[in-house]
Amino acid sequence: MKTNTCPKCGHTYQGYPALSRVDNRTKICPDCGIREAMEDARIGSWTRREIMTRMITVSSHTQTSDIELKRFLRVLRLAAW
């Protein structure tokens, strides 16, 4: 699987990119896509952290890979700004 670098956050990711809501052209990592969606929905930073924490909790109780959990943790850190 090809590794890509997100132009928004600079992190590398594998898999399908998200389409940035800023210009509807730029391919960004899924984490930044989630963050942009929450910003677009005007979800506050406390709520974003709560959503991501719940996603991590649910993921930790299911069959997920370490890569997926690391991705959720990175999104949580991005959402905490």
N, C-alpha and C. Protein backbone atom coordinates (compact mmCIF):
# COMPACT_ATOMS: atom_id res chain seq x y z
N MET A 1 0.84 -1.18 0.00
CA MET A 1 0.00 0.00 0.00
C MET A 1 0.89 1.25 0.00
N LYS A 2 0.52 2.25 -0.76
CA LYS A 2 1.31 3.46 -0.92
C LYS A 2 1.20 4.36 0.33
N THR A 3 2.32 4.95 0.69
CA THR A 3 2.35 5.89 1.81
C THR A 3 2.29 7.31 1.25
N ASN A 4 1.40 8.13 1.81
CA ASN A 4 1.24 9.52 1.39
C ASN A 4 1.58 10.44 2.55
N THR A 5 1.89 11.69 2.23
CA THR A 5 2.14 12.71 3.25
C THR A 5 1.05 13.76 3.16
N CYS A 6 0.44 14.06 4.28
CA CYS A 6 -0.63 15.05 4.33
C CYS A 6 -0.04 16.45 4.21
N PRO A 7 -0.53 17.26 3.26
CA PRO A 7 -0.02 18.62 3.13
C PRO A 7 -0.46 19.55 4.26
N LYS A 8 -1.47 19.15 4.99
CA LYS A 8 -1.99 19.99 6.06
C LYS A 8 -1.23 19.81 7.37
N CYS A 9 -1.00 18.56 7.77
CA CYS A 9 -0.33 18.31 9.06
C CYS A 9 1.08 17.75 8.92
N GLY A 10 1.42 17.27 7.72
CA GLY A 10 2.76 16.75 7.48
C GLY A 10 2.98 15.30 7.88
N HIS A 11 1.98 14.66 8.45
CA HIS A 11 2.12 13.25 8.84
C HIS A 11 1.91 12.34 7.63
N THR A 12 2.49 11.15 7.72
CA THR A 12 2.30 10.17 6.66
C THR A 12 1.10 9.28 7.01
N TYR A 13 0.47 8.76 5.96
CA TYR A 13 -0.68 7.87 6.16
C TYR A 13 -0.76 6.92 4.99
N GLN A 14 -1.48 5.82 5.20
CA GLN A 14 -1.73 4.86 4.14
C GLN A 14 -3.23 4.75 3.95
N GLY A 15 -3.63 4.35 2.79
CA GLY A 15 -5.05 4.20 2.54
C GLY A 15 -5.61 5.36 1.76
N TYR A 16 -6.92 5.47 1.80
CA TYR A 16 -7.61 6.50 1.03
C TYR A 16 -7.52 7.85 1.72
N PRO A 17 -7.27 8.91 0.95
CA PRO A 17 -7.23 10.25 1.54
C PRO A 17 -8.64 10.83 1.69
N ALA A 18 -8.71 11.89 2.45
CA ALA A 18 -9.94 12.67 2.55
C ALA A 18 -9.78 13.88 1.63
N LEU A 19 -10.87 14.42 1.17
CA LEU A 19 -10.84 15.61 0.33
C LEU A 19 -11.06 16.82 1.23
N SER A 20 -10.13 17.76 1.19
CA SER A 20 -10.22 18.93 2.05
C SER A 20 -11.47 19.74 1.75
N ARG A 21 -12.12 20.19 2.79
CA ARG A 21 -13.31 21.02 2.64
C ARG A 21 -12.95 22.47 2.31
N VAL A 22 -11.68 22.81 2.48
CA VAL A 22 -11.23 24.18 2.23
C VAL A 22 -11.31 24.53 0.75
N ASP A 23 -10.76 23.64 -0.12
CA ASP A 23 -10.76 23.94 -1.55
C ASP A 23 -11.41 22.85 -2.41
N ASN A 24 -11.86 21.79 -1.78
CA ASN A 24 -12.51 20.67 -2.48
C ASN A 24 -11.60 20.01 -3.53
N ARG A 25 -10.27 20.17 -3.39
CA ARG A 25 -9.33 19.56 -4.32
C ARG A 25 -8.20 18.84 -3.62
N THR A 26 -7.71 19.41 -2.53
CA THR A 26 -6.54 18.89 -1.85
C THR A 26 -6.85 17.59 -1.12
N LYS A 27 -6.00 16.60 -1.35
CA LYS A 27 -6.14 15.32 -0.66
C LYS A 27 -5.36 15.38 0.63
N ILE A 28 -6.05 15.18 1.74
CA ILE A 28 -5.45 15.25 3.07
C ILE A 28 -5.63 13.91 3.78
N CYS A 29 -4.93 13.74 4.91
CA CYS A 29 -5.05 12.48 5.65
C CYS A 29 -6.45 12.36 6.27
N PRO A 30 -6.89 11.16 6.55
CA PRO A 30 -8.21 10.96 7.15
C PRO A 30 -8.37 11.71 8.49
N ASP A 31 -7.28 11.83 9.26
CA ASP A 31 -7.37 12.53 10.54
C ASP A 31 -7.71 14.01 10.34
N CYS A 32 -7.04 14.65 9.39
CA CYS A 32 -7.35 16.05 9.11
C CYS A 32 -8.74 16.19 8.51
N GLY A 33 -9.17 15.17 7.76
CA GLY A 33 -10.53 15.18 7.22
C GLY A 33 -11.57 15.16 8.33
N ILE A 34 -11.32 14.34 9.34
CA ILE A 34 -12.23 14.29 10.49
C ILE A 34 -12.22 15.64 11.21
N ARG A 35 -11.03 16.20 11.40
CA ARG A 35 -10.93 17.48 12.09
C ARG A 35 -11.65 18.58 11.32
N GLU A 36 -11.47 18.63 9.99
CA GLU A 36 -12.15 19.65 9.19
C GLU A 36 -13.67 19.48 9.26
N ALA A 37 -14.13 18.23 9.26
CA ALA A 37 -15.57 17.98 9.35
C ALA A 37 -16.13 18.48 10.67
N MET A 38 -15.40 18.24 11.76
CA MET A 38 -15.88 18.71 13.06
C MET A 38 -15.83 20.23 13.15
N GLU A 39 -14.80 20.84 12.56
CA GLU A 39 -14.73 22.31 12.53
C GLU A 39 -15.89 22.87 11.72
N ASP A 40 -16.16 22.24 10.57
CA ASP A 40 -17.23 22.69 9.70
C ASP A 40 -18.59 22.60 10.39
N ALA A 41 -18.74 21.60 11.23
CA ALA A 41 -19.99 21.43 11.98
C ALA A 41 -20.02 22.31 13.23
N ARG A 42 -18.96 23.10 13.40
CA ARG A 42 -18.82 24.02 14.54
C ARG A 42 -18.89 23.29 15.88
N ILE A 43 -18.23 22.15 15.91
CA ILE A 43 -18.14 21.39 17.15
C ILE A 43 -16.99 21.97 17.95
N GLY A 44 -17.24 22.34 19.18
CA GLY A 44 -16.22 22.95 20.03
C GLY A 44 -15.10 21.99 20.38
N SER A 45 -13.96 22.55 20.84
CA SER A 45 -12.79 21.71 21.11
C SER A 45 -13.05 20.70 22.22
N TRP A 46 -13.82 21.06 23.24
CA TRP A 46 -14.11 20.11 24.32
C TRP A 46 -14.93 18.95 23.77
N THR A 47 -15.91 19.25 22.94
CA THR A 47 -16.75 18.20 22.35
C THR A 47 -15.95 17.33 21.40
N ARG A 48 -15.03 17.93 20.62
CA ARG A 48 -14.17 17.14 19.73
C ARG A 48 -13.35 16.15 20.54
N ARG A 49 -12.78 16.60 21.65
CA ARG A 49 -12.00 15.69 22.50
C ARG A 49 -12.88 14.58 23.04
N GLU A 50 -14.09 14.90 23.44
CA GLU A 50 -15.02 13.90 23.96
C GLU A 50 -15.38 12.86 22.88
N ILE A 51 -15.65 13.33 21.67
CA ILE A 51 -15.97 12.43 20.57
C ILE A 51 -14.81 11.49 20.30
N MET A 52 -13.62 12.04 20.21
CA MET A 52 -12.46 11.20 19.91
C MET A 52 -12.16 10.24 21.05
N THR A 53 -12.35 10.66 22.29
CA THR A 53 -12.14 9.77 23.43
C THR A 53 -13.10 8.59 23.36
N ARG A 54 -14.35 8.86 23.02
CA ARG A 54 -15.34 7.78 22.89
C ARG A 54 -14.99 6.85 21.75
N MET A 55 -14.47 7.40 20.64
CA MET A 55 -14.06 6.56 19.52
C MET A 55 -12.93 5.62 19.94
N ILE A 56 -11.99 6.14 20.71
CA ILE A 56 -10.88 5.32 21.19
C ILE A 56 -11.40 4.23 22.13
N THR A 57 -12.31 4.59 23.02
CA THR A 57 -12.87 3.62 23.96
C THR A 57 -13.59 2.50 23.23
N VAL A 58 -14.41 2.84 22.25
CA VAL A 58 -15.13 1.83 21.48
C VAL A 58 -14.13 0.97 20.71
N SER A 59 -13.14 1.59 20.10
CA SER A 59 -12.15 0.85 19.31
C SER A 59 -11.35 -0.10 20.16
N SER A 60 -11.06 0.28 21.39
CA SER A 60 -10.22 -0.57 22.23
C SER A 60 -10.96 -1.84 22.67
N HIS A 61 -12.29 -1.84 22.55
CA HIS A 61 -13.07 -3.01 22.94
C HIS A 61 -13.44 -3.89 21.75
N THR A 62 -13.00 -3.50 20.57
CA THR A 62 -13.27 -4.29 19.37
C THR A 62 -11.95 -4.77 18.78
N GLN A 63 -12.04 -5.53 17.73
CA GLN A 63 -10.84 -6.05 17.07
C GLN A 63 -10.29 -4.98 16.13
N THR A 64 -9.44 -4.10 16.64
CA THR A 64 -8.80 -3.08 15.81
C THR A 64 -7.30 -3.25 15.89
N SER A 65 -6.63 -2.76 14.88
CA SER A 65 -5.18 -2.88 14.86
C SER A 65 -4.55 -1.76 15.66
N ASP A 66 -3.29 -1.93 16.01
CA ASP A 66 -2.54 -0.89 16.71
C ASP A 66 -2.45 0.38 15.86
N ILE A 67 -2.37 0.20 14.54
CA ILE A 67 -2.28 1.36 13.65
C ILE A 67 -3.54 2.21 13.77
N GLU A 68 -4.70 1.57 13.80
CA GLU A 68 -5.95 2.32 13.92
C GLU A 68 -6.02 3.07 15.25
N LEU A 69 -5.61 2.42 16.33
CA LEU A 69 -5.64 3.08 17.64
C LEU A 69 -4.66 4.24 17.69
N LYS A 70 -3.48 4.08 17.09
CA LYS A 70 -2.52 5.19 17.04
C LYS A 70 -3.10 6.35 16.25
N ARG A 71 -3.83 6.04 15.17
CA ARG A 71 -4.45 7.09 14.36
C ARG A 71 -5.48 7.86 15.19
N PHE A 72 -6.32 7.15 15.94
CA PHE A 72 -7.31 7.81 16.78
C PHE A 72 -6.63 8.70 17.82
N LEU A 73 -5.55 8.21 18.41
CA LEU A 73 -4.84 9.02 19.41
C LEU A 73 -4.26 10.28 18.78
N ARG A 74 -3.74 10.17 17.55
CA ARG A 74 -3.19 11.34 16.88
C ARG A 74 -4.29 12.35 16.58
N VAL A 75 -5.46 11.87 16.15
CA VAL A 75 -6.59 12.77 15.88
C VAL A 75 -7.01 13.47 17.17
N LEU A 76 -7.00 12.73 18.28
CA LEU A 76 -7.36 13.32 19.56
C LEU A 76 -6.41 14.46 19.91
N ARG A 77 -5.12 14.24 19.68
CA ARG A 77 -4.16 15.30 19.96
C ARG A 77 -4.39 16.50 19.05
N LEU A 78 -4.69 16.26 17.76
CA LEU A 78 -4.98 17.36 16.84
C LEU A 78 -6.23 18.12 17.25
N ALA A 79 -7.21 17.40 17.78
CA ALA A 79 -8.47 18.03 18.17
C ALA A 79 -8.34 18.83 19.46
N ALA A 80 -7.26 18.65 20.17
CA ALA A 80 -7.10 19.32 21.47
C ALA A 80 -6.58 20.74 21.35
N TRP A 81 -6.24 21.19 20.15
CA TRP A 81 -5.64 22.51 20.00
C TRP A 81 -6.50 23.63 20.44
